[in-house]
Protein backbone atom coordinates (compact mmCIF):
# COMPACT_ATOMS: atom_id res chain seq x y z
CA MET A 1 23.85 -13.90 -51.41
CA ALA A 2 26.33 -16.10 -53.41
CA LYS A 3 29.85 -16.34 -52.04
CA HIS A 4 32.79 -15.34 -54.27
CA THR A 5 35.07 -18.22 -55.30
CA GLN A 6 37.80 -16.34 -57.17
CA ALA A 7 39.90 -13.20 -56.77
CA HIS A 8 42.23 -11.31 -59.15
CA LEU A 9 44.98 -8.72 -58.74
CA THR A 10 46.29 -6.78 -61.77
CA ARG A 11 49.38 -4.62 -61.94
CA ARG A 12 51.01 -2.72 -64.80
CA VAL A 13 54.81 -2.66 -65.20
CA GLU A 14 56.67 -0.97 -67.98
CA LYS A 15 57.86 -3.72 -70.28
CA ASN A 16 61.40 -2.28 -70.56
CA LYS A 17 61.97 -2.31 -66.80
CA PRO A 18 64.48 -4.84 -65.35
CA SER A 19 63.23 -8.35 -64.62
CA ALA A 20 64.14 -7.86 -60.94
CA LEU A 21 61.40 -5.20 -60.72
CA LYS A 22 58.83 -7.54 -62.30
CA ASP A 23 59.82 -10.37 -59.89
CA MET A 24 59.44 -8.03 -56.98
CA THR A 25 56.02 -6.96 -58.26
CA ARG A 26 54.97 -10.63 -58.55
CA ARG A 27 56.13 -11.40 -54.96
CA GLN A 28 54.23 -8.42 -53.65
CA MET A 29 51.07 -9.64 -55.51
CA GLU A 30 51.41 -13.09 -53.92
CA TYR A 31 51.64 -11.48 -50.50
CA TYR A 32 48.65 -9.18 -51.06
CA MET A 33 46.56 -11.99 -52.44
CA GLY A 34 47.22 -14.11 -49.38
CA ALA A 35 46.31 -11.21 -47.08
CA LYS A 36 43.08 -10.55 -49.04
CA LEU A 37 42.04 -14.24 -48.87
CA LEU A 38 42.56 -14.18 -45.11
CA GLU A 39 40.57 -11.02 -44.92
CA ILE A 40 37.59 -12.54 -46.56
CA GLY A 41 37.87 -15.80 -44.59
CA VAL A 42 39.45 -18.12 -47.19
CA ASP A 43 42.38 -20.26 -46.23
CA PRO A 44 45.08 -19.40 -48.80
CA LYS A 45 46.43 -22.96 -48.68
CA LEU A 46 43.05 -24.23 -50.13
CA ALA A 47 43.22 -22.04 -53.15
CA ILE A 48 45.01 -22.55 -56.49
CA TYR A 49 46.78 -19.72 -58.17
CA ARG A 50 47.41 -18.81 -61.81
CA TRP A 51 49.46 -16.08 -63.51
CA SER A 52 48.71 -14.36 -66.77
CA SER A 53 50.65 -11.65 -68.57
CA GLU A 54 49.71 -9.49 -71.51
CA ILE A 55 51.58 -6.72 -73.41
CA GLN A 56 49.60 -3.53 -73.81
CA GLY A 57 51.58 -0.82 -75.55
CA ASN A 58 54.65 -0.06 -73.41
CA ASN A 59 53.24 -1.90 -70.38
CA GLU A 60 53.15 -5.54 -69.31
CA VAL A 61 49.84 -6.28 -67.55
CA ILE A 62 50.32 -8.95 -64.90
CA THR A 63 47.32 -10.65 -63.40
CA TYR A 64 47.41 -13.01 -60.37
CA SER A 65 44.27 -15.06 -59.81
CA ALA A 66 43.13 -17.24 -56.99
CA TYR A 67 40.45 -19.87 -57.20
CA TRP A 68 38.74 -21.89 -54.51
CA GLY A 69 35.51 -23.81 -54.07
CA ASN A 70 33.52 -24.31 -57.32
CA SER A 71 35.87 -22.06 -59.31
CA LYS A 72 38.89 -24.14 -58.30
CA ASP A 73 37.11 -27.35 -59.54
CA THR A 74 36.16 -25.67 -62.82
CA VAL A 75 39.69 -24.43 -63.46
CA LEU A 76 41.20 -27.83 -62.79
CA GLN A 77 38.68 -29.58 -65.01
CA GLN A 78 39.42 -27.13 -67.87
CA GLU A 79 43.14 -27.67 -67.47
CA GLN A 80 42.61 -31.45 -67.66
CA GLY A 81 40.52 -30.99 -70.85
CA LEU A 82 37.31 -32.38 -69.30
């Protein structure tokens, strides 16, 4: 069975909420992602992380992604334009 090489967390926050709430949500997502990686046996220090944000109606959808192994290499190559 193939091993996973990426993980994603998504949260919805009302877009009119204070930025402090959005910042707290992001910090929580960072913590939970680290815990999840440890749970599946991946060293969080070996992964790279990326944020994305999208407005959907009255919500801001925030996604925190972690990449390691082959996925990490692929993301880095795409960012370098290779």
